[in-house]
C-alpha atoms as a PDB file:
ATOM      1  CA  THR A   1     -16.302   9.369  -5.014  1.00  0.00           C
ATOM      2  CA  ARG A   2     -19.557   8.391  -6.794  1.00  0.00           C
ATOM      3  CA  PRO A   3     -22.546   9.375  -4.605  1.00  0.00           C
ATOM      4  CA  ASP A   4     -24.666   9.395  -7.776  1.00  0.00           C
ATOM      5  CA  PHE A   5     -24.872   5.600  -7.680  1.00  0.00           C
ATOM      6  CA  ILE A   6     -23.472   4.541  -4.286  1.00  0.00           C
ATOM      7  CA  ARG A   7     -25.789   5.190  -1.340  1.00  0.00           C
ATOM      8  CA  PRO A   8     -24.444   7.228   1.622  1.00  0.00           C
ATOM      9  CA  PHE A   9     -24.520   4.333   4.106  1.00  0.00           C
ATOM     10  CA  LEU A  10     -22.402   2.239   1.710  1.00  0.00           C
ATOM     11  CA  ILE A  11     -19.958   5.098   1.174  1.00  0.00           C
ATOM     12  CA  ALA A  12     -19.502   5.338   4.941  1.00  0.00           C
ATOM     13  CA  GLU A  13     -18.680   1.619   5.085  1.00  0.00           C
ATOM     14  CA  LEU A  14     -16.340   1.680   2.081  1.00  0.00           C
ATOM     15  CA  LYS A  15     -14.371   4.593   3.540  1.00  0.00           C
ATOM     16  CA  GLN A  16     -13.269   2.271   6.337  1.00  0.00           C
ATOM     17  CA  LEU A  17     -11.448   0.051   3.826  1.00  0.00           C
ATOM     18  CA  HIS A  18      -8.816   2.665   2.997  1.00  0.00           C
ATOM     19  CA  ASP A  19      -6.025   1.922   5.452  1.00  0.00           C
ATOM     20  CA  GLN A  20      -7.316   0.672   8.807  1.00  0.00           C
ATOM     21  CA  VAL A  21      -8.784  -2.695   9.774  1.00  0.00           C
ATOM     22  CA  SER A  22      -9.002  -4.482  13.109  1.00  0.00           C
ATOM     23  CA  VAL A  23      -5.574  -4.921  14.684  1.00  0.00           C
ATOM     24  CA  ALA A  24      -4.419  -8.492  15.280  1.00  0.00           C
ATOM     25  CA  PRO A  25      -1.984  -9.327  18.106  1.00  0.00           C
ATOM     26  CA  PHE A  26       1.717  -9.484  17.256  1.00  0.00           C
ATOM     27  CA  ALA A  27       1.698 -13.162  18.278  1.00  0.00           C
ATOM     28  CA  ASP A  28      -0.186 -13.856  15.029  1.00  0.00           C
ATOM     29  CA  PHE A  29       2.681 -12.369  13.018  1.00  0.00           C
ATOM     30  CA  GLU A  30       5.749 -13.660  14.835  1.00  0.00           C
ATOM     31  CA  PRO A  31       5.534 -17.135  13.193  1.00  0.00           C
ATOM     32  CA  VAL A  32       5.781 -15.380   9.802  1.00  0.00           C
ATOM     33  CA  LEU A  33       8.971 -13.614  10.932  1.00  0.00           C
ATOM     34  CA  VAL A  34      10.383 -16.940  12.112  1.00  0.00           C
ATOM     35  CA  ASP A  35       9.557 -18.619   8.786  1.00  0.00           C
ATOM     36  CA  GLU A  36      10.870 -15.770   6.633  1.00  0.00           C
ATOM     37  CA  LEU A  37      13.859 -14.466   8.640  1.00  0.00           C
ATOM     38  CA  SER A  38      14.797 -17.415  10.931  1.00  0.00           C
ATOM     39  CA  PRO A  39      14.128 -18.033  14.637  1.00  0.00           C
ATOM     40  CA  GLY A  40      16.768 -15.413  15.437  1.00  0.00           C
ATOM     41  CA  TRP A  41      14.896 -12.593  13.700  1.00  0.00           C
ATOM     42  CA  LYS A  42      15.072 -10.409  16.842  1.00  0.00           C
ATOM     43  CA  LEU A  43      18.843 -10.098  16.377  1.00  0.00           C
ATOM     44  CA  LEU A  44      18.203  -7.880  13.333  1.00  0.00           C
ATOM     45  CA  PHE A  45      16.779  -5.102  15.498  1.00  0.00           C
ATOM     46  CA  ARG A  46      17.772  -3.076  18.516  1.00  0.00           C
ATOM     47  CA  GLU A  47      14.100  -2.481  19.244  1.00  0.00           C
ATOM     48  CA  MET A  48      10.718  -3.292  17.719  1.00  0.00           C
ATOM     49  CA  HIS A  49       7.442  -1.730  18.845  1.00  0.00           C
ATOM     50  CA  THR A  50       5.249  -4.824  18.851  1.00  0.00           C
ATOM     51  CA  GLN A  51       2.580  -3.516  21.230  1.00  0.00           C
ATOM     52  CA  ALA A  52       0.866  -1.345  18.633  1.00  0.00           C
ATOM     53  CA  PRO A  53       1.362  -1.440  14.839  1.00  0.00           C
ATOM     54  CA  LEU A  54       1.799   1.734  12.806  1.00  0.00           C
ATOM     55  CA  GLY A  55      -0.939   0.458  10.529  1.00  0.00           C
ATOM     56  CA  ALA A  56      -3.205  -2.518   9.980  1.00  0.00           C
ATOM     57  CA  ALA A  57      -4.506  -3.544   6.566  1.00  0.00           C
ATOM     58  CA  SER A  58      -6.287  -6.559   5.180  1.00  0.00           C
ATOM     59  CA  LEU A  59      -3.078  -8.245   3.987  1.00  0.00           C
ATOM     60  CA  ALA A  60      -0.476  -7.115   6.521  1.00  0.00           C
ATOM     61  CA  GLN A  61       0.417  -5.113   9.603  1.00  0.00           C
ATOM     62  CA  VAL A  62       3.241  -2.603   9.842  1.00  0.00           C
ATOM     63  CA  TYR A  63       5.499  -2.075  12.847  1.00  0.00           C
ATOM     64  CA  GLN A  64       8.152   0.504  13.662  1.00  0.00           C
ATOM     65  CA  ALA A  65      11.591  -0.768  14.654  1.00  0.00           C
ATOM     66  CA  SER A  66      15.185   0.409  14.833  1.00  0.00           C
ATOM     67  CA  LEU A  67      18.348  -1.252  13.571  1.00  0.00           C
ATOM     68  CA  TRP A  68      21.421  -1.657  15.770  1.00  0.00           C
ATOM     69  CA  ASP A  69      22.906   1.578  14.399  1.00  0.00           C
ATOM     70  CA  GLY A  70      19.742   3.448  15.461  1.00  0.00           C
ATOM     71  CA  THR A  71      18.240   3.748  11.966  1.00  0.00           C
ATOM     72  CA  PRO A  72      14.414   3.846  12.227  1.00  0.00           C
ATOM     73  CA  VAL A  73      12.721   1.351   9.940  1.00  0.00           C
ATOM     74  CA  VAL A  74       9.301  -0.058   9.139  1.00  0.00           C
ATOM     75  CA  VAL A  75       8.622  -3.799   9.152  1.00  0.00           C
ATOM     76  CA  LYS A  76       5.678  -4.951   7.055  1.00  0.00           C
ATOM     77  CA  ILE A  77       4.494  -8.479   7.888  1.00  0.00           C
ATOM     78  CA  GLN A  78       1.931 -10.412   5.895  1.00  0.00           C
ATOM     79  CA  ARG A  79      -0.969 -12.015   7.736  1.00  0.00           C
ATOM     80  CA  ALA A  80      -0.530 -15.785   8.081  1.00  0.00           C
ATOM     81  CA  GLY A  81      -2.512 -17.706   5.451  1.00  0.00           C
ATOM     82  CA  ILE A  82      -3.819 -14.569   3.749  1.00  0.00           C
ATOM     83  CA  LYS A  83      -2.483 -15.485   0.283  1.00  0.00           C
ATOM     84  CA  ALA A  84      -4.636 -18.623   0.095  1.00  0.00           C
ATOM     85  CA  ILE A  85      -7.690 -16.683   1.293  1.00  0.00           C
ATOM     86  CA  VAL A  86      -7.227 -13.953  -1.327  1.00  0.00           C
ATOM     87  CA  GLN A  87      -6.723 -16.506  -4.091  1.00  0.00           C
ATOM     88  CA  GLN A  88      -9.951 -18.253  -3.042  1.00  0.00           C
ATOM     89  CA  ASP A  89     -11.764 -14.911  -3.112  1.00  0.00           C
ATOM     90  CA  MET A  90     -10.391 -14.216  -6.595  1.00  0.00           C
ATOM     91  CA  ALA A  91     -11.627 -17.586  -7.842  1.00  0.00           C
ATOM     92  CA  LEU A  92     -15.097 -16.959  -6.394  1.00  0.00           C
ATOM     93  CA  LEU A  93     -15.289 -13.487  -7.959  1.00  0.00           C
ATOM     94  CA  ARG A  94     -14.213 -14.815 -11.361  1.00  0.00           C
ATOM     95  CA  ARG A  95     -16.971 -17.434 -11.136  1.00  0.00           C
ATOM     96  CA  ALA A  96     -19.494 -14.746 -10.151  1.00  0.00           C
ATOM     97  CA  ALA A  97     -18.408 -12.619 -13.111  1.00  0.00           C
ATOM     98  CA  ARG A  98     -18.973 -15.532 -15.521  1.00  0.00           C
ATOM     99  CA  LEU A  99     -22.442 -16.120 -14.052  1.00  0.00           C
ATOM    100  CA  LEU A 100     -23.241 -12.415 -14.367  1.00  0.00           C
ATOM    101  CA  ALA A 101     -22.152 -12.438 -18.004  1.00  0.00           C
ATOM    102  CA  LYS A 102     -24.602 -15.236 -18.738  1.00  0.00           C
ATOM    103  CA  ALA A 103     -27.431 -13.675 -16.722  1.00  0.00           C
ATOM    104  CA  ALA A 104     -26.963 -10.130 -18.043  1.00  0.00           C
ATOM    105  CA  PRO A 105     -25.348 -10.289 -21.503  1.00  0.00           C
ATOM    106  CA  ARG A 106     -26.337  -6.728 -22.431  1.00  0.00           C
ATOM    107  CA  PHE A 107     -24.697  -5.349 -19.271  1.00  0.00           C
ATOM    108  CA  ASN A 108     -21.616  -7.506 -19.846  1.00  0.00           C
ATOM    109  CA  ALA A 109     -21.332  -6.212 -23.402  1.00  0.00           C
ATOM    110  CA  VAL A 110     -20.815  -2.732 -21.952  1.00  0.00           C
ATOM    111  CA  ILE A 111     -18.810  -3.680 -18.840  1.00  0.00           C
ATOM    112  CA  ASP A 112     -16.840  -6.909 -19.224  1.00  0.00           C
ATOM    113  CA  MET A 113     -16.704  -7.875 -15.548  1.00  0.00           C
ATOM    114  CA  GLU A 114     -14.315 -10.810 -15.993  1.00  0.00           C
ATOM    115  CA  ALA A 115     -11.833  -8.699 -17.953  1.00  0.00           C
ATOM    116  CA  MET A 116     -12.097  -5.890 -15.409  1.00  0.00           C
ATOM    117  CA  LEU A 117     -11.444  -8.290 -12.530  1.00  0.00           C
ATOM    118  CA  SER A 118      -8.432  -9.725 -14.385  1.00  0.00           C
ATOM    119  CA  VAL A 119      -6.871  -6.254 -14.600  1.00  0.00           C
ATOM    120  CA  ILE A 120      -7.442  -5.684 -10.863  1.00  0.00           C
ATOM    121  CA  PHE A 121      -6.170  -9.127  -9.869  1.00  0.00           C
ATOM    122  CA  ASP A 122      -3.049  -8.782 -12.038  1.00  0.00           C
ATOM    123  CA  ALA A 123      -2.292  -5.490 -10.292  1.00  0.00           C
ATOM    124  CA  MET A 124      -2.887  -7.102  -6.894  1.00  0.00           C
ATOM    125  CA  GLU A 125      -0.423  -9.971  -7.384  1.00  0.00           C
ATOM    126  CA  PRO A 126       2.591  -8.026  -5.999  1.00  0.00           C
ATOM    127  CA  GLU A 127       0.560  -7.318  -2.832  1.00  0.00           C
ATOM    128  CA  LEU A 128       0.831 -11.030  -2.086  1.00  0.00           C
ATOM    129  CA  ASP A 129       4.603 -11.107  -2.678  1.00  0.00           C
ATOM    130  CA  PHE A 130       6.706  -8.453  -0.946  1.00  0.00           C
ATOM    131  CA  VAL A 131       9.701  -9.216  -3.185  1.00  0.00           C
ATOM    132  CA  ALA A 132       7.583  -8.005  -6.101  1.00  0.00           C
ATOM    133  CA  GLU A 133       6.498  -4.980  -4.058  1.00  0.00           C
ATOM    134  CA  ALA A 134      10.161  -4.201  -3.376  1.00  0.00           C
ATOM    135  CA  ARG A 135      10.817  -4.233  -7.138  1.00  0.00           C
ATOM    136  CA  ASN A 136       7.879  -1.860  -7.583  1.00  0.00           C
ATOM    137  CA  MET A 137       9.435   0.466  -4.997  1.00  0.00           C
ATOM    138  CA  ASP A 138      12.784   0.416  -6.771  1.00  0.00           C
ATOM    139  CA  GLN A 139      11.115   1.313 -10.064  1.00  0.00           C
ATOM    140  CA  GLY A 140       8.928   3.888  -8.340  1.00  0.00           C
ATOM    141  CA  ARG A 141      12.010   5.511  -6.801  1.00  0.00           C
ATOM    142  CA  VAL A 142      13.416   6.005 -10.297  1.00  0.00           C
ATOM    143  CA  SER A 143      10.116   7.402 -11.576  1.00  0.00           C
ATOM    144  CA  VAL A 144       9.911  10.119  -8.876  1.00  0.00           C
ATOM    145  CA  GLN A 145      13.510  11.322  -9.266  1.00  0.00           C
ATOM    146  CA  ARG A 146      12.430  14.091 -11.637  1.00  0.00           C
ATOM    147  CA  PHE A 147      10.136  15.513  -8.919  1.00  0.00           C
ATOM    148  CA  LYS A 148      11.884  17.657  -6.322  1.00  0.00           C
ATOM    149  CA  HIS A 149       9.290  17.163  -3.587  1.00  0.00           C
ATOM    150  CA  LEU A 150       8.595  13.411  -3.838  1.00  0.00           C
ATOM    151  CA  SER A 151      10.421  10.331  -2.555  1.00  0.00           C
ATOM    152  CA  VAL A 152      10.009   6.576  -2.077  1.00  0.00           C
ATOM    153  CA  PRO A 153      11.379   4.762   1.010  1.00  0.00           C
ATOM    154  CA  ASP A 154      14.470   2.577   0.606  1.00  0.00           C
ATOM    155  CA  VAL A 155      14.078  -1.202   0.689  1.00  0.00           C
ATOM    156  CA  LEU A 156      16.460  -2.756   3.224  1.00  0.00           C
ATOM    157  CA  LEU A 157      15.269  -6.373   3.034  1.00  0.00           C
ATOM    158  CA  ALA A 158      12.469  -8.198   1.246  1.00  0.00           C
ATOM    159  CA  THR A 159      11.150 -11.743   1.412  1.00  0.00           C
ATOM    160  CA  PRO A 160       7.805 -12.943   0.043  1.00  0.00           C
ATOM    161  CA  ARG A 161       6.056 -12.139   3.345  1.00  0.00           C
ATOM    162  CA  VAL A 162       8.289  -9.606   5.150  1.00  0.00           C
ATOM    163  CA  LEU A 163       9.421  -6.184   3.928  1.00  0.00           C
ATOM    164  CA  ILE A 164      11.822  -3.927   5.849  1.00  0.00           C
ATOM    165  CA  GLN A 165      12.104  -0.355   4.577  1.00  0.00           C
ATOM    166  CA  SER A 166      13.238   3.053   5.731  1.00  0.00           C
ATOM    167  CA  LEU A 167      10.755   5.021   7.822  1.00  0.00           C
ATOM    168  CA  ALA A 168       8.849   7.698   5.907  1.00  0.00           C
ATOM    169  CA  PRO A 169       8.981  10.955   7.893  1.00  0.00           C
ATOM    170  CA  GLY A 170       5.818  12.636   9.124  1.00  0.00           C
ATOM    171  CA  VAL A 171       2.210  11.535   9.008  1.00  0.00           C
ATOM    172  CA  SER A 172      -0.482  10.759   6.463  1.00  0.00           C
ATOM    173  CA  ILE A 173      -1.259  13.829   4.374  1.00  0.00           C
ATOM    174  CA  ARG A 174      -4.844  13.419   5.629  1.00  0.00           C
ATOM    175  CA  ASP A 175      -3.727  13.993   9.232  1.00  0.00           C
ATOM    176  CA  ALA A 176      -1.119  16.684   8.579  1.00  0.00           C
ATOM    177  CA  ASP A 177      -1.636  20.190   9.941  1.00  0.00           C
ATOM    178  CA  PRO A 178      -1.591  22.560   6.941  1.00  0.00           C
ATOM    179  CA  ALA A 179      -0.431  25.401   9.206  1.00  0.00           C
ATOM    180  CA  ALA A 180       2.828  23.520   9.848  1.00  0.00           C
ATOM    181  CA  PHE A 181       3.794  23.936   6.181  1.00  0.00           C
ATOM    182  CA  THR A 182       4.511  27.093   4.222  1.00  0.00           C
ATOM    183  CA  ALA A 183       2.107  27.951   1.423  1.00  0.00           C
ATOM    184  CA  GLU A 184       4.913  27.444  -1.087  1.00  0.00           C
ATOM    185  CA  GLU A 185       5.637  23.969   0.324  1.00  0.00           C
ATOM    186  CA  ARG A 186       1.992  22.894   0.138  1.00  0.00           C
ATOM    187  CA  VAL A 187       1.675  24.072  -3.454  1.00  0.00           C
ATOM    188  CA  ALA A 188       4.964  22.425  -4.465  1.00  0.00           C
ATOM    189  CA  ILE A 189       4.000  19.050  -2.954  1.00  0.00           C
ATOM    190  CA  GLY A 190       0.531  19.224  -4.506  1.00  0.00           C
ATOM    191  CA  ARG A 191       1.913  20.119  -7.947  1.00  0.00           C
ATOM    192  CA  ASP A 192       4.492  17.330  -7.858  1.00  0.00           C
ATOM    193  CA  LEU A 193       1.954  14.719  -6.725  1.00  0.00           C
ATOM    194  CA  LEU A 194      -0.423  15.642  -9.520  1.00  0.00           C
ATOM    195  CA  ALA A 195       2.355  15.877 -12.114  1.00  0.00           C
ATOM    196  CA  TYR A 196       3.758  12.499 -11.046  1.00  0.00           C
ATOM    197  CA  LEU A 197       0.369  10.802 -11.394  1.00  0.00           C
ATOM    198  CA  TYR A 198      -0.363  12.327 -14.800  1.00  0.00           C
ATOM    199  CA  ARG A 199       3.098  11.490 -16.094  1.00  0.00           C
ATOM    200  CA  GLY A 200       2.629   7.925 -14.867  1.00  0.00           C
ATOM    201  CA  PHE A 201      -0.772   7.618 -16.556  1.00  0.00           C
ATOM    202  CA  PHE A 202       0.143   9.111 -19.912  1.00  0.00           C
ATOM    203  CA  VAL A 203       3.926   9.009 -20.395  1.00  0.00           C
ATOM    204  CA  ASP A 204       5.626   6.357 -18.255  1.00  0.00           C
ATOM    205  CA  ARG A 205       2.540   4.097 -18.282  1.00  0.00           C
ATOM    206  CA  TYR A 206       3.639   3.020 -14.787  1.00  0.00           C
ATOM    207  CA  PHE A 207       2.169   4.547 -11.643  1.00  0.00           C
ATOM    208  CA  HIS A 208       1.230   4.002  -7.997  1.00  0.00           C
ATOM    209  CA  ALA A 209      -2.233   2.443  -8.244  1.00  0.00           C
ATOM    210  CA  ASP A 210      -3.440   3.191  -4.708  1.00  0.00           C
ATOM    211  CA  PRO A 211      -2.572   6.832  -3.951  1.00  0.00           C
ATOM    212  CA  HIS A 212      -5.105   7.428  -1.174  1.00  0.00           C
ATOM    213  CA  PRO A 213      -4.117   9.817   1.670  1.00  0.00           C
ATOM    214  CA  GLY A 214      -2.943   7.000   3.946  1.00  0.00           C
ATOM    215  CA  ASN A 215      -0.215   6.176   1.409  1.00  0.00           C
ATOM    216  CA  ILE A 216       1.211   9.699   1.206  1.00  0.00           C
ATOM    217  CA  PHE A 217       3.289  10.878   4.174  1.00  0.00           C
ATOM    218  CA  VAL A 218       4.395  14.482   4.662  1.00  0.00           C
ATOM    219  CA  HIS A 219       6.556  16.405   7.118  1.00  0.00           C
ATOM    220  CA  PRO A 220       7.561  20.110   7.081  1.00  0.00           C
ATOM    221  CA  GLY A 221      10.865  20.571   5.286  1.00  0.00           C
ATOM    222  CA  GLU A 222      10.853  17.020   3.904  1.00  0.00           C
ATOM    223  CA  LYS A 223       9.832  15.453   0.627  1.00  0.00           C
ATOM    224  CA  ALA A 224       6.428  13.772   0.487  1.00  0.00           C
ATOM    225  CA  SER A 225       6.854   9.989   0.685  1.00  0.00           C
ATOM    226  CA  LEU A 226       4.805   7.593  -1.426  1.00  0.00           C
ATOM    227  CA  ILE A 227       4.407   4.305   0.480  1.00  0.00           C
ATOM    228  CA  ASP A 228       2.685   0.928  -0.027  1.00  0.00           C
ATOM    229  CA  TRP A 229       3.688  -0.091  -3.566  1.00  0.00           C
ATOM    230  CA  GLY A 230       1.774  -3.368  -3.660  1.00  0.00           C
ATOM    231  CA  MET A 231      -0.366  -2.164  -6.572  1.00  0.00           C
ATOM    232  CA  VAL A 232       1.107  -0.421  -9.595  1.00  0.00           C
END
Protein backbone atom coordinates (compact mmCIF):
# COMPACT_ATOMS: atom_id res chain seq x y z
CA THR A 1 0.00 0.00 0.00
CA ARG A 2 3.04 2.34 0.16
CA PRO A 3 4.87 2.27 -3.21
CA ASP A 4 6.32 5.68 -2.32
CA PHE A 5 8.86 4.03 -0.03
CA ILE A 6 8.64 0.28 -0.73
CA ARG A 7 10.21 -0.82 -4.02
CA PRO A 8 8.06 -2.85 -6.47
CA PHE A 9 10.08 -6.07 -6.14
CA LEU A 10 9.61 -5.95 -2.35
CA ILE A 11 5.88 -5.29 -2.71
CA ALA A 12 5.60 -8.37 -4.91
CA GLU A 13 7.31 -10.46 -2.22
CA LEU A 14 5.27 -9.01 0.66
CA LYS A 15 2.00 -9.71 -1.16
CA GLN A 16 2.77 -13.42 -0.82
CA LEU A 17 2.60 -13.15 2.98
CA HIS A 18 -1.13 -12.43 3.04
CA ASP A 19 -2.69 -15.88 3.37
CA GLN A 20 -0.71 -18.56 1.54
CA VAL A 21 2.60 -20.20 2.43
CA SER A 22 4.09 -23.55 1.47
CA VAL A 23 1.80 -26.42 2.43
CA ALA A 24 3.18 -28.95 4.92
CA PRO A 25 1.98 -32.57 4.91
CA PHE A 26 -0.85 -33.50 7.27
CA ALA A 27 1.53 -35.92 9.02
CA ASP A 28 3.24 -32.86 10.52
CA PHE A 29 -0.04 -31.79 12.13
CA GLU A 30 -1.51 -35.08 13.33
CA PRO A 31 0.74 -35.21 16.45
CA VAL A 32 -0.75 -31.84 17.47
CA LEU A 33 -4.27 -33.29 17.17
CA VAL A 34 -3.21 -36.28 19.27
CA ASP A 35 -1.71 -34.02 21.96
CA GLU A 36 -4.64 -31.60 22.04
CA LEU A 37 -7.66 -33.87 21.41
CA SER A 38 -6.41 -37.38 22.38
CA PRO A 39 -5.28 -40.32 20.23
CA GLY A 40 -8.93 -40.91 19.31
CA TRP A 41 -9.34 -37.51 17.66
CA LYS A 42 -10.67 -39.12 14.44
CA LEU A 43 -13.82 -40.18 16.31
CA LEU A 44 -14.89 -36.52 16.41
CA PHE A 45 -15.40 -36.43 12.65
CA ARG A 46 -17.26 -38.36 10.00
CA GLU A 47 -14.74 -37.16 7.44
CA MET A 48 -11.70 -34.89 7.28
CA HIS A 49 -10.07 -33.74 4.04
CA THR A 50 -6.42 -34.19 4.99
CA GLN A 51 -5.03 -34.41 1.45
CA ALA A 52 -5.21 -30.67 0.81
CA PRO A 53 -5.76 -27.90 3.38
CA LEU A 54 -8.21 -25.07 2.77
CA GLY A 55 -5.42 -22.68 3.66
CA ALA A 56 -1.83 -22.60 4.84
CA ALA A 57 -0.38 -19.79 6.93
CA SER A 58 2.82 -19.27 8.86
CA LEU A 59 1.31 -20.40 12.18
CA ALA A 60 -1.27 -23.00 11.17
CA GLN A 61 -3.03 -24.95 8.45
CA VAL A 62 -6.79 -25.21 8.03
CA TYR A 63 -8.70 -28.31 6.95
CA GLN A 64 -12.33 -28.93 6.06
CA ALA A 65 -14.14 -31.70 7.91
CA SER A 66 -17.66 -32.82 8.75
CA LEU A 67 -19.15 -33.86 12.07
CA TRP A 68 -21.15 -37.07 12.47
CA ASP A 69 -24.41 -35.17 11.92
CA GLY A 70 -23.07 -33.88 8.57
CA THR A 71 -22.29 -30.34 9.77
CA PRO A 72 -19.37 -28.92 7.74
CA VAL A 73 -16.63 -27.49 9.92
CA VAL A 74 -13.13 -26.05 9.68
CA VAL A 75 -10.26 -27.42 11.76
CA LYS A 76 -7.37 -25.03 12.37
CA ILE A 77 -4.19 -26.75 13.58
CA GLN A 78 -1.11 -24.95 14.80
CA ARG A 79 2.26 -25.91 13.35
CA ALA A 80 4.30 -28.03 15.78
CA GLY A 81 6.89 -25.95 17.66
CA ILE A 82 5.84 -22.67 16.04
CA LYS A 83 5.17 -20.87 19.35
CA ALA A 84 8.80 -21.20 20.46
CA ILE A 85 10.03 -20.04 17.05
CA VAL A 86 7.80 -16.94 17.09
CA GLN A 87 8.85 -16.07 20.63
CA GLN A 88 12.51 -16.34 19.59
CA ASP A 89 11.82 -14.06 16.62
CA MET A 90 10.11 -11.55 18.92
CA ALA A 91 13.11 -11.52 21.26
CA LEU A 92 15.50 -10.96 18.34
CA LEU A 93 13.38 -8.11 16.95
CA ARG A 94 13.17 -6.43 20.36
CA ARG A 95 16.97 -6.61 20.61
CA ALA A 96 17.30 -5.17 17.09
CA ALA A 97 14.95 -2.33 18.02
CA ARG A 98 17.07 -1.45 21.07
CA LEU A 99 20.22 -1.44 18.92
CA LEU A 100 18.50 0.77 16.35
CA ALA A 101 17.45 3.21 19.07
CA LYS A 102 21.07 3.58 20.15
CA ALA A 103 22.41 3.83 16.59
CA ALA A 104 19.74 6.25 15.33
CA PRO A 105 18.38 8.26 18.28
CA ARG A 106 16.86 10.98 16.07
CA PHE A 107 14.91 8.38 14.06
CA ASN A 108 13.84 6.62 17.26
CA ALA A 109 12.59 9.90 18.70
CA VAL A 110 10.09 10.06 15.83
CA ILE A 111 9.32 6.33 15.52
CA ASP A 112 9.79 4.40 18.76
CA MET A 113 10.51 0.99 17.24
CA GLU A 114 10.47 -0.94 20.52
CA ALA A 115 7.10 0.52 21.52
CA MET A 116 5.69 -0.16 18.06
CA LEU A 117 6.86 -3.78 18.18
CA SER A 118 5.31 -4.18 21.65
CA VAL A 119 1.91 -3.14 20.28
CA ILE A 120 2.22 -5.63 17.40
CA PHE A 121 3.45 -8.46 19.62
CA ASP A 122 0.68 -7.88 22.18
CA ALA A 123 -1.87 -8.14 19.37
CA MET A 124 -0.20 -11.30 18.08
CA GLU A 125 -0.34 -13.20 21.39
CA PRO A 126 -3.82 -14.70 20.73
CA GLU A 127 -2.50 -16.07 17.41
CA LEU A 128 -0.34 -18.40 19.48
CA ASP A 129 -3.25 -19.53 21.67
CA PHE A 130 -6.45 -20.62 19.92
CA VAL A 131 -8.43 -20.41 23.18
CA ALA A 132 -7.71 -16.68 23.15
CA GLU A 133 -8.65 -16.53 19.46
CA ALA A 134 -11.94 -18.25 20.28
CA ARG A 135 -12.65 -15.54 22.88
CA ASN A 136 -11.89 -12.92 20.23
CA MET A 137 -14.40 -14.61 17.91
CA ASP A 138 -17.07 -14.61 20.60
CA GLN A 139 -16.54 -10.90 21.21
CA GLY A 140 -16.35 -10.23 17.48
CA ARG A 141 -19.67 -12.03 16.97
CA VAL A 142 -21.28 -9.61 19.42
CA SER A 143 -19.67 -6.60 17.73
CA VAL A 144 -21.05 -7.48 14.26
CA GLN A 145 -24.63 -8.13 15.43
CA ARG A 146 -25.66 -4.58 14.56
CA PHE A 147 -24.61 -5.17 10.92
CA LYS A 148 -27.16 -7.02 8.81
CA HIS A 149 -24.68 -8.34 6.25
CA LEU A 150 -21.80 -9.50 8.49
CA SER A 151 -21.21 -12.63 10.56
CA VAL A 152 -18.51 -14.49 12.50
CA PRO A 153 -18.25 -18.32 12.46
CA ASP A 154 -19.30 -20.24 15.57
CA VAL A 155 -16.62 -21.80 17.77
CA LEU A 156 -17.35 -25.49 18.37
CA LEU A 157 -14.17 -26.43 20.25
CA ALA A 158 -10.95 -24.65 21.17
CA THR A 159 -7.70 -25.79 22.72
CA PRO A 160 -4.43 -23.83 22.73
CA ARG A 161 -3.38 -25.39 19.40
CA VAL A 162 -6.59 -26.64 17.75
CA LEU A 163 -9.69 -24.63 16.82
CA ILE A 164 -12.86 -26.17 15.35
CA GLN A 165 -15.39 -23.71 13.95
CA SER A 166 -18.34 -23.60 11.60
CA LEU A 167 -17.53 -23.37 7.90
CA ALA A 168 -17.84 -19.88 6.42
CA PRO A 169 -19.87 -20.09 3.20
CA GLY A 170 -18.39 -19.02 -0.12
CA VAL A 171 -14.91 -17.91 -1.05
CA SER A 172 -12.48 -15.10 -0.30
CA ILE A 173 -13.92 -11.77 -1.39
CA ARG A 174 -10.81 -11.46 -3.58
CA ASP A 175 -11.82 -14.54 -5.58
CA ALA A 176 -15.57 -13.92 -5.69
CA ASP A 177 -17.29 -13.26 -9.01
CA PRO A 178 -18.99 -9.84 -8.71
CA ALA A 179 -21.54 -10.88 -11.35
CA ALA A 180 -22.85 -13.57 -8.98
CA PHE A 181 -24.08 -10.87 -6.58
CA THR A 182 -26.73 -8.22 -7.09
CA ALA A 183 -25.57 -4.62 -7.10
CA GLU A 184 -27.58 -4.00 -3.94
CA GLU A 185 -25.88 -6.95 -2.21
CA ARG A 186 -22.39 -5.76 -3.13
CA VAL A 187 -23.09 -2.25 -1.88
CA ALA A 188 -24.67 -3.54 1.35
CA ILE A 189 -21.72 -5.82 2.15
CA GLY A 190 -19.22 -3.07 1.33
CA ARG A 191 -21.06 -0.51 3.48
CA ASP A 192 -21.31 -2.87 6.44
CA LEU A 193 -17.63 -3.87 6.24
CA LEU A 194 -16.53 -0.25 6.20
CA ALA A 195 -18.99 0.77 8.92
CA TYR A 196 -17.90 -2.15 11.12
CA LEU A 197 -14.22 -1.21 10.81
CA TYR A 198 -14.81 2.48 11.53
CA ARG A 199 -17.05 1.70 14.49
CA GLY A 200 -14.38 -0.64 15.82
CA PHE A 201 -11.64 1.98 15.43
CA PHE A 202 -13.49 4.93 16.92
CA VAL A 203 -16.39 3.70 19.07
CA ASP A 204 -15.92 0.12 20.29
CA ARG A 205 -12.11 0.43 20.30
CA TYR A 206 -12.08 -3.28 19.41
CA PHE A 207 -11.71 -4.50 15.84
CA HIS A 208 -10.42 -7.26 13.55
CA ALA A 209 -6.77 -6.31 13.06
CA ASP A 210 -6.09 -8.30 9.88
CA PRO A 211 -9.01 -7.66 7.50
CA HIS A 212 -7.25 -8.56 4.24
CA PRO A 213 -9.35 -10.19 1.47
CA GLY A 214 -8.36 -13.73 2.46
CA ASN A 215 -10.11 -13.20 5.81
CA ILE A 216 -13.44 -12.08 4.35
CA PHE A 217 -15.62 -14.79 2.79
CA VAL A 218 -18.71 -14.06 0.70
CA HIS A 219 -21.45 -16.07 -0.99
CA PRO A 220 -24.55 -14.83 -2.88
CA GLY A 221 -27.51 -14.57 -0.53
CA GLU A 222 -25.36 -15.02 2.58
CA LYS A 223 -23.78 -12.67 5.08
CA ALA A 224 -20.09 -11.89 4.63
CA SER A 225 -18.03 -13.88 7.15
CA LEU A 226 -15.06 -12.40 8.99
CA ILE A 227 -12.58 -15.20 9.77
CA ASP A 228 -9.15 -15.56 11.43
CA TRP A 229 -9.50 -13.61 14.69
CA GLY A 230 -5.97 -14.18 15.94
CA MET A 231 -5.23 -10.44 15.91
CA VAL A 232 -7.65 -7.88 17.30
